[in-house]
Structure formats: structure tokens, C-alpha cells
Amino acid sequence: MASEELVAVSAPRSLFVLKFPGREDRIFKLHLPANPMKAKYRAWSEWQNPDFVAKAGEQPAHFSGGNDYQIRYKLDYQER
């Protein structure tokens, strides 16, 4: 089973990392709006390939394409 980790760098440069023990991790750039309150930002994103792959102890490399994991996401804004 894969373990996921969300790494928030800074909006709008947030990353989602899928970590796979003994295999390459998949790194996705999340395209987040500065203001998620508008309803149009609460719809599901398009399916997205990883932007980078990384082996343990190595620098991430650009994803070269092919059949791989994809993600999609949506924002859920809750007023405080």
C-alpha cells in the first residue's frame, strides 16, 4: 500500500508526493488558486501526470512520460 504525503511549499507552489518504499516517488505540482472561495475552484481538476520522479537519495528528475500514476483533486473551502 502506498503512503501519501502532502508537502505544502507555498501557495501557488504546492507539491503532492506519492511515496513508494523501494521504488521511485512521484511528485506532482498542485495548481492551487490564491483565493479558493469561488465555486469554480471547487470542481475536480483534470487528471495530471507526475511532474517529477525521485529515487531515494537522488535529485528529482522530470517525468519522461508513459503509463504511470495520475492524480486529480478538488478544493473544499470551509468558512470559519
PDB file of N, CA and C in Angstrom:
ATOM      1  N   MET A   1       0.844  -1.169   0.000  1.00  0.00           N
ATOM      2  CA  MET A   1       0.000   0.000   0.000  1.00  0.00           C
ATOM      3  C   MET A   1       0.891   1.235   0.000  1.00  0.00           C
ATOM      4  N   ALA A   2       0.573   2.184  -0.814  1.00  0.00           N
ATOM      5  CA  ALA A   2       1.356   3.420  -0.916  1.00  0.00           C
ATOM      6  C   ALA A   2       0.991   4.347   0.226  1.00  0.00           C
ATOM      7  N   SER A   3       1.979   5.076   0.704  1.00  0.00           N
ATOM      8  CA  SER A   3       1.687   6.109   1.688  1.00  0.00           C
ATOM      9  C   SER A   3       1.837   7.450   1.005  1.00  0.00           C
ATOM     10  N   GLU A   4       0.883   8.340   1.234  1.00  0.00           N
ATOM     11  CA  GLU A   4       0.907   9.642   0.591  1.00  0.00           C
ATOM     12  C   GLU A   4       1.339  10.691   1.585  1.00  0.00           C
ATOM     13  N   GLU A   5       1.959  11.723   1.094  1.00  0.00           N
ATOM     14  CA  GLU A   5       2.361  12.837   1.933  1.00  0.00           C
ATOM     15  C   GLU A   5       2.136  14.119   1.158  1.00  0.00           C
ATOM     16  N   LEU A   6       1.409  15.028   1.740  1.00  0.00           N
ATOM     17  CA  LEU A   6       1.192  16.327   1.115  1.00  0.00           C
ATOM     18  C   LEU A   6       2.217  17.285   1.672  1.00  0.00           C
ATOM     19  N   VAL A   7       3.023  17.859   0.788  1.00  0.00           N
ATOM     20  CA  VAL A   7       4.056  18.784   1.202  1.00  0.00           C
ATOM     21  C   VAL A   7       3.672  20.165   0.689  1.00  0.00           C
ATOM     22  N   ALA A   8       3.248  21.037   1.571  1.00  0.00           N
ATOM     23  CA  ALA A   8       2.874  22.388   1.177  1.00  0.00           C
ATOM     24  C   ALA A   8       4.105  23.277   1.213  1.00  0.00           C
ATOM     25  N   VAL A   9       4.553  23.714   0.049  1.00  0.00           N
ATOM     26  CA  VAL A   9       5.735  24.566  -0.037  1.00  0.00           C
ATOM     27  C   VAL A   9       5.316  26.007   0.152  1.00  0.00           C
ATOM     28  N   SER A  10       4.488  26.497  -0.698  1.00  0.00           N
ATOM     29  CA  SER A  10       3.855  27.810  -0.579  1.00  0.00           C
ATOM     30  C   SER A  10       2.840  27.899  -1.702  1.00  0.00           C
ATOM     31  N   ALA A  11       1.673  28.408  -1.403  1.00  0.00           N
ATOM     32  CA  ALA A  11       0.689  28.551  -2.468  1.00  0.00           C
ATOM     33  C   ALA A  11       1.191  29.642  -3.387  1.00  0.00           C
ATOM     34  N   PRO A  12       1.235  29.559  -4.601  1.00  0.00           N
ATOM     35  CA  PRO A  12       0.709  28.573  -5.526  1.00  0.00           C
ATOM     36  C   PRO A  12       1.686  27.458  -5.898  1.00  0.00           C
ATOM     37  N   ARG A  13       2.773  27.248  -5.153  1.00  0.00           N
ATOM     38  CA  ARG A  13       3.721  26.178  -5.465  1.00  0.00           C
ATOM     39  C   ARG A  13       3.623  25.082  -4.419  1.00  0.00           C
ATOM     40  N   SER A  14       2.565  24.336  -4.444  1.00  0.00           N
ATOM     41  CA  SER A  14       2.385  23.231  -3.519  1.00  0.00           C
ATOM     42  C   SER A  14       2.651  21.926  -4.242  1.00  0.00           C
ATOM     43  N   LEU A  15       3.195  20.978  -3.503  1.00  0.00           N
ATOM     44  CA  LEU A  15       3.547  19.680  -4.076  1.00  0.00           C
ATOM     45  C   LEU A  15       2.800  18.578  -3.353  1.00  0.00           C
ATOM     46  N   PHE A  16       2.478  17.536  -4.099  1.00  0.00           N
ATOM     47  CA  PHE A  16       1.912  16.319  -3.541  1.00  0.00           C
ATOM     48  C   PHE A  16       2.874  15.200  -3.901  1.00  0.00           C
ATOM     49  N   VAL A  17       3.318  14.440  -2.902  1.00  0.00           N
ATOM     50  CA  VAL A  17       4.313  13.395  -3.127  1.00  0.00           C
ATOM     51  C   VAL A  17       3.701  12.046  -2.816  1.00  0.00           C
ATOM     52  N   LEU A  18       3.719  11.145  -3.791  1.00  0.00           N
ATOM     53  CA  LEU A  18       3.341   9.748  -3.568  1.00  0.00           C
ATOM     54  C   LEU A  18       4.627   8.985  -3.302  1.00  0.00           C
ATOM     55  N   LYS A  19       4.759   8.450  -2.096  1.00  0.00           N
ATOM     56  CA  LYS A  19       5.983   7.739  -1.720  1.00  0.00           C
ATOM     57  C   LYS A  19       5.742   6.237  -1.830  1.00  0.00           C
ATOM     58  N   PHE A  20       6.678   5.558  -2.461  1.00  0.00           N
ATOM     59  CA  PHE A  20       6.608   4.120  -2.639  1.00  0.00           C
ATOM     60  C   PHE A  20       7.884   3.497  -2.085  1.00  0.00           C
ATOM     61  N   PRO A  21       7.811   2.733  -1.003  1.00  0.00           N
ATOM     62  CA  PRO A  21       9.008   2.114  -0.438  1.00  0.00           C
ATOM     63  C   PRO A  21       9.726   1.242  -1.475  1.00  0.00           C
ATOM     64  N   GLY A  22      11.030   1.495  -1.649  1.00  0.00           N
ATOM     65  CA  GLY A  22      11.834   0.710  -2.581  1.00  0.00           C
ATOM     66  C   GLY A  22      11.634   1.047  -4.042  1.00  0.00           C
ATOM     67  N   ARG A  23      10.837   2.069  -4.349  1.00  0.00           N
ATOM     68  CA  ARG A  23      10.570   2.457  -5.730  1.00  0.00           C
ATOM     69  C   ARG A  23      10.678   3.965  -5.860  1.00  0.00           C
ATOM     70  N   GLU A  24      10.503   4.465  -7.059  1.00  0.00           N
ATOM     71  CA  GLU A  24      10.557   5.899  -7.297  1.00  0.00           C
ATOM     72  C   GLU A  24       9.306   6.588  -6.743  1.00  0.00           C
ATOM     73  N   ASP A  25       9.518   7.724  -6.093  1.00  0.00           N
ATOM     74  CA  ASP A  25       8.403   8.551  -5.647  1.00  0.00           C
ATOM     75  C   ASP A  25       7.893   9.363  -6.836  1.00  0.00           C
ATOM     76  N   ARG A  26       6.626   9.718  -6.790  1.00  0.00           N
ATOM     77  CA  ARG A  26       6.025  10.574  -7.819  1.00  0.00           C
ATOM     78  C   ARG A  26       5.724  11.917  -7.186  1.00  0.00           C
ATOM     79  N   ILE A  27       6.134  12.998  -7.837  1.00  0.00           N
ATOM     80  CA  ILE A  27       5.946  14.344  -7.310  1.00  0.00           C
ATOM     81  C   ILE A  27       5.069  15.129  -8.275  1.00  0.00           C
ATOM     82  N   PHE A  28       3.980  15.675  -7.744  1.00  0.00           N
ATOM     83  CA  PHE A  28       3.018  16.425  -8.538  1.00  0.00           C
ATOM     84  C   PHE A  28       3.004  17.877  -8.071  1.00  0.00           C
ATOM     85  N   LYS A  29       3.016  18.814  -9.007  1.00  0.00           N
ATOM     86  CA  LYS A  29       2.789  20.225  -8.677  1.00  0.00           C
ATOM     87  C   LYS A  29       1.284  20.438  -8.649  1.00  0.00           C
ATOM     88  N   LEU A  30       0.784  20.964  -7.540  1.00  0.00           N
ATOM     89  CA  LEU A  30      -0.633  21.273  -7.440  1.00  0.00           C
ATOM     90  C   LEU A  30      -0.849  22.711  -7.883  1.00  0.00           C
ATOM     91  N   HIS A  31      -1.827  22.911  -8.717  1.00  0.00           N
ATOM     92  CA  HIS A  31      -2.132  24.244  -9.248  1.00  0.00           C
ATOM     93  C   HIS A  31      -3.275  24.825  -8.431  1.00  0.00           C
ATOM     94  N   LEU A  32      -2.906  25.483  -7.344  1.00  0.00           N
ATOM     95  CA  LEU A  32      -3.889  25.999  -6.405  1.00  0.00           C
ATOM     96  C   LEU A  32      -4.128  27.491  -6.623  1.00  0.00           C
ATOM     97  N   PRO A  33      -5.385  27.919  -6.556  1.00  0.00           N
ATOM     98  CA  PRO A  33      -5.676  29.344  -6.716  1.00  0.00           C
ATOM     99  C   PRO A  33      -5.307  30.105  -5.439  1.00  0.00           C
ATOM    100  N   ALA A  34      -5.012  31.374  -5.587  1.00  0.00           N
ATOM    101  CA  ALA A  34      -4.713  32.209  -4.430  1.00  0.00           C
ATOM    102  C   ALA A  34      -5.956  32.398  -3.567  1.00  0.00           C
ATOM    103  N   ASN A  35      -7.130  32.409  -4.199  1.00  0.00           N
ATOM    104  CA  ASN A  35      -8.386  32.578  -3.485  1.00  0.00           C
ATOM    105  C   ASN A  35      -9.323  31.430  -3.862  1.00  0.00           C
ATOM    106  N   PRO A  36      -9.433  30.389  -3.028  1.00  0.00           N
ATOM    107  CA  PRO A  36     -10.248  29.218  -3.381  1.00  0.00           C
ATOM    108  C   PRO A  36     -11.737  29.367  -3.088  1.00  0.00           C
ATOM    109  N   MET A  37     -12.187  30.546  -2.732  1.00  0.00           N
ATOM    110  CA  MET A  37     -13.585  30.720  -2.323  1.00  0.00           C
ATOM    111  C   MET A  37     -14.571  30.636  -3.481  1.00  0.00           C
ATOM    112  N   LYS A  38     -14.145  30.907  -4.707  1.00  0.00           N
ATOM    113  CA  LYS A  38     -15.070  30.858  -5.837  1.00  0.00           C
ATOM    114  C   LYS A  38     -15.451  29.407  -6.139  1.00  0.00           C
ATOM    115  N   ALA A  39     -16.706  29.205  -6.475  1.00  0.00           N
ATOM    116  CA  ALA A  39     -17.222  27.852  -6.720  1.00  0.00           C
ATOM    117  C   ALA A  39     -16.479  27.134  -7.835  1.00  0.00           C
ATOM    118  N   LYS A  40     -16.001  27.878  -8.847  1.00  0.00           N
ATOM    119  CA  LYS A  40     -15.331  27.222  -9.978  1.00  0.00           C
ATOM    120  C   LYS A  40     -14.054  26.500  -9.541  1.00  0.00           C
ATOM    121  N   TYR A  41     -13.483  26.873  -8.411  1.00  0.00           N
ATOM    122  CA  TYR A  41     -12.268  26.215  -7.928  1.00  0.00           C
ATOM    123  C   TYR A  41     -12.566  24.984  -7.094  1.00  0.00           C
ATOM    124  N   ARG A  42     -13.833  24.701  -6.848  1.00  0.00           N
ATOM    125  CA  ARG A  42     -14.189  23.534  -6.042  1.00  0.00           C
ATOM    126  C   ARG A  42     -14.552  22.315  -6.888  1.00  0.00           C
ATOM    127  N   ALA A  43     -14.392  22.428  -8.190  1.00  0.00           N
ATOM    128  CA  ALA A  43     -14.633  21.290  -9.094  1.00  0.00           C
ATOM    129  C   ALA A  43     -13.364  20.431  -9.153  1.00  0.00           C
ATOM    130  N   TRP A  44     -13.518  19.201  -9.588  1.00  0.00           N
ATOM    131  CA  TRP A  44     -12.360  18.313  -9.725  1.00  0.00           C
ATOM    132  C   TRP A  44     -11.412  18.862 -10.788  1.00  0.00           C
ATOM    133  N   SER A  45     -10.127  18.745 -10.534  1.00  0.00           N
ATOM    134  CA  SER A  45      -9.118  19.148 -11.516  1.00  0.00           C
ATOM    135  C   SER A  45      -9.084  18.129 -12.644  1.00  0.00           C
ATOM    136  N   GLU A  46      -8.349  18.449 -13.684  1.00  0.00           N
ATOM    137  CA  GLU A  46      -8.095  17.471 -14.744  1.00  0.00           C
ATOM    138  C   GLU A  46      -7.131  16.414 -14.200  1.00  0.00           C
ATOM    139  N   TRP A  47      -7.115  15.230 -14.809  1.00  0.00           N
ATOM    140  CA  TRP A  47      -6.141  14.213 -14.431  1.00  0.00           C
ATOM    141  C   TRP A  47      -4.745  14.737 -14.761  1.00  0.00           C
ATOM    142  N   GLN A  48      -3.805  14.473 -13.900  1.00  0.00           N
ATOM    143  CA  GLN A  48      -2.472  15.046 -14.020  1.00  0.00           C
ATOM    144  C   GLN A  48      -1.398  13.987 -13.815  1.00  0.00           C
ATOM    145  N   ASN A  49      -0.450  13.937 -14.747  1.00  0.00           N
ATOM    146  CA  ASN A  49       0.719  13.065 -14.610  1.00  0.00           C
ATOM    147  C   ASN A  49       1.693  13.680 -13.612  1.00  0.00           C
ATOM    148  N   PRO A  50       2.608  12.876 -13.068  1.00  0.00           N
ATOM    149  CA  PRO A  50       3.606  13.463 -12.174  1.00  0.00           C
ATOM    150  C   PRO A  50       4.498  14.445 -12.932  1.00  0.00           C
ATOM    151  N   ASP A  51       4.989  15.445 -12.225  1.00  0.00           N
ATOM    152  CA  ASP A  51       5.930  16.389 -12.814  1.00  0.00           C
ATOM    153  C   ASP A  51       7.358  15.887 -12.667  1.00  0.00           C
ATOM    154  N   PHE A  52       7.611  15.139 -11.591  1.00  0.00           N
ATOM    155  CA  PHE A  52       8.953  14.630 -11.319  1.00  0.00           C
ATOM    156  C   PHE A  52       8.863  13.224 -10.748  1.00  0.00           C
ATOM    157  N   VAL A  53       9.936  12.477 -10.876  1.00  0.00           N
ATOM    158  CA  VAL A  53      10.115  11.199 -10.193  1.00  0.00           C
ATOM    159  C   VAL A  53      11.418  11.286  -9.416  1.00  0.00           C
ATOM    160  N   ALA A  54      11.495  10.572  -8.298  1.00  0.00           N
ATOM    161  CA  ALA A  54      12.700  10.646  -7.476  1.00  0.00           C
ATOM    162  C   ALA A  54      12.969   9.306  -6.818  1.00  0.00           C
ATOM    163  N   LYS A  55      14.208   8.859  -6.891  1.00  0.00           N
ATOM    164  CA  LYS A  55      14.655   7.682  -6.163  1.00  0.00           C
ATOM    165  C   LYS A  55      15.260   8.159  -4.851  1.00  0.00           C
ATOM    166  N   ALA A  56      15.212   7.308  -3.837  1.00  0.00           N
ATOM    167  CA  ALA A  56      15.753   7.669  -2.523  1.00  0.00           C
ATOM    168  C   ALA A  56      17.207   8.100  -2.654  1.00  0.00           C
ATOM    169  N   GLY A  57      17.525   9.241  -2.066  1.00  0.00           N
ATOM    170  CA  GLY A  57      18.891   9.740  -2.059  1.00  0.00           C
ATOM    171  C   GLY A  57      19.338  10.424  -3.334  1.00  0.00           C
ATOM    172  N   GLU A  58      18.446  10.579  -4.309  1.00  0.00           N
ATOM    173  CA  GLU A  58      18.799  11.223  -5.578  1.00  0.00           C
ATOM    174  C   GLU A  58      17.937  12.455  -5.804  1.00  0.00           C
ATOM    175  N   GLN A  59      18.430  13.344  -6.652  1.00  0.00           N
ATOM    176  CA  GLN A  59      17.662  14.537  -7.016  1.00  0.00           C
ATOM    177  C   GLN A  59      16.477  14.132  -7.894  1.00  0.00           C
ATOM    178  N   PRO A  60      15.337  14.795  -7.751  1.00  0.00           N
ATOM    179  CA  PRO A  60      14.194  14.507  -8.619  1.00  0.00           C
ATOM    180  C   PRO A  60      14.524  14.800 -10.081  1.00  0.00           C
ATOM    181  N   ALA A  61      13.957  13.999 -10.972  1.00  0.00           N
ATOM    182  CA  ALA A  61      14.125  14.186 -12.411  1.00  0.00           C
ATOM    183  C   ALA A  61      12.750  14.426 -13.023  1.00  0.00           C
ATOM    184  N   HIS A  62      12.715  15.148 -14.133  1.00  0.00           N
ATOM    185  CA  HIS A  62      11.446  15.386 -14.821  1.00  0.00           C
ATOM    186  C   HIS A  62      10.854  14.062 -15.266  1.00  0.00           C
ATOM    187  N   PHE A  63       9.552  13.950 -15.156  1.00  0.00           N
ATOM    188  CA  PHE A  63       8.836  12.764 -15.594  1.00  0.00           C
ATOM    189  C   PHE A  63       8.936  12.663 -17.107  1.00  0.00           C
ATOM    190  N   SER A  64       9.296  11.504 -17.609  1.00  0.00           N
ATOM    191  CA  SER A  64       9.535  11.346 -19.046  1.00  0.00           C
ATOM    192  C   SER A  64       8.317  10.841 -19.824  1.00  0.00           C
ATOM    193  N   GLY A  65       7.212  10.621 -19.153  1.00  0.00           N
ATOM    194  CA  GLY A  65       6.001  10.176 -19.839  1.00  0.00           C
ATOM    195  C   GLY A  65       5.795   8.686 -19.688  1.00  0.00           C
ATOM    196  N   GLY A  66       4.775   8.205 -20.328  1.00  0.00           N
ATOM    197  CA  GLY A  66       4.463   6.788 -20.262  1.00  0.00           C
ATOM    198  C   GLY A  66       3.263   6.525 -19.375  1.00  0.00           C
ATOM    199  N   ASN A  67       2.977   5.262 -19.162  1.00  0.00           N
ATOM    200  CA  ASN A  67       1.845   4.838 -18.352  1.00  0.00           C
ATOM    201  C   ASN A  67       2.251   4.898 -16.892  1.00  0.00           C
ATOM    202  N   ASP A  68       1.639   5.784 -16.123  1.00  0.00           N
ATOM    203  CA  ASP A  68       2.056   5.976 -14.745  1.00  0.00           C
ATOM    204  C   ASP A  68       0.855   6.395 -13.907  1.00  0.00           C
ATOM    205  N   TYR A  69       1.111   6.691 -12.655  1.00  0.00           N
ATOM    206  CA  TYR A  69       0.071   7.173 -11.766  1.00  0.00           C
ATOM    207  C   TYR A  69      -0.358   8.574 -12.180  1.00  0.00           C
ATOM    208  N   GLN A  70      -1.635   8.847 -12.001  1.00  0.00           N
ATOM    209  CA  GLN A  70      -2.182  10.171 -12.235  1.00  0.00           C
ATOM    210  C   GLN A  70      -3.010  10.552 -11.017  1.00  0.00           C
ATOM    211  N   ILE A  71      -3.138  11.852 -10.803  1.00  0.00           N
ATOM    212  CA  ILE A  71      -3.995  12.330  -9.716  1.00  0.00           C
ATOM    213  C   ILE A  71      -4.953  13.379 -10.257  1.00  0.00           C
ATOM    214  N   ARG A  72      -5.993  13.620  -9.512  1.00  0.00           N
ATOM    215  CA  ARG A  72      -6.840  14.789  -9.693  1.00  0.00           C
ATOM    216  C   ARG A  72      -7.302  15.163  -8.294  1.00  0.00           C
ATOM    217  N   TYR A  73      -7.709  16.397  -8.127  1.00  0.00           N
ATOM    218  CA  TYR A  73      -8.046  16.877  -6.797  1.00  0.00           C
ATOM    219  C   TYR A  73      -9.062  18.006  -6.895  1.00  0.00           C
ATOM    220  N   LYS A  74      -9.642  18.326  -5.756  1.00  0.00           N
ATOM    221  CA  LYS A  74     -10.535  19.481  -5.687  1.00  0.00           C
ATOM    222  C   LYS A  74     -10.352  20.135  -4.321  1.00  0.00           C
ATOM    223  N   LEU A  75     -10.684  21.408  -4.253  1.00  0.00           N
ATOM    224  CA  LEU A  75     -10.560  22.166  -3.015  1.00  0.00           C
ATOM    225  C   LEU A  75     -11.887  22.157  -2.279  1.00  0.00           C
ATOM    226  N   ASP A  76     -11.799  22.104  -0.985  1.00  0.00           N
ATOM    227  CA  ASP A  76     -13.005  22.143  -0.161  1.00  0.00           C
ATOM    228  C   ASP A  76     -12.821  23.293   0.825  1.00  0.00           C
ATOM    229  N   TYR A  77     -13.494  24.398   0.559  1.00  0.00           N
ATOM    230  CA  TYR A  77     -13.369  25.578   1.405  1.00  0.00           C
ATOM    231  C   TYR A  77     -14.445  25.548   2.480  1.00  0.00           C
ATOM    232  N   GLN A  78     -14.027  25.736   3.719  1.00  0.00           N
ATOM    233  CA  GLN A  78     -14.993  25.807   4.827  1.00  0.00           C
ATOM    234  C   GLN A  78     -14.800  27.123   5.557  1.00  0.00           C
ATOM    235  N   GLU A  79     -15.877  27.848   5.722  1.00  0.00           N
ATOM    236  CA  GLU A  79     -15.789  29.109   6.448  1.00  0.00           C
ATOM    237  C   GLU A  79     -15.555  28.821   7.919  1.00  0.00           C
ATOM    238  N   ARG A  80     -14.831  29.723   8.563  1.00  0.00           N
ATOM    239  CA  ARG A  80     -14.519  29.530   9.978  1.00  0.00           C
ATOM    240  C   ARG A  80     -15.549  30.166  10.852  1.00  0.00           C
TER     241      ARG A  80
END
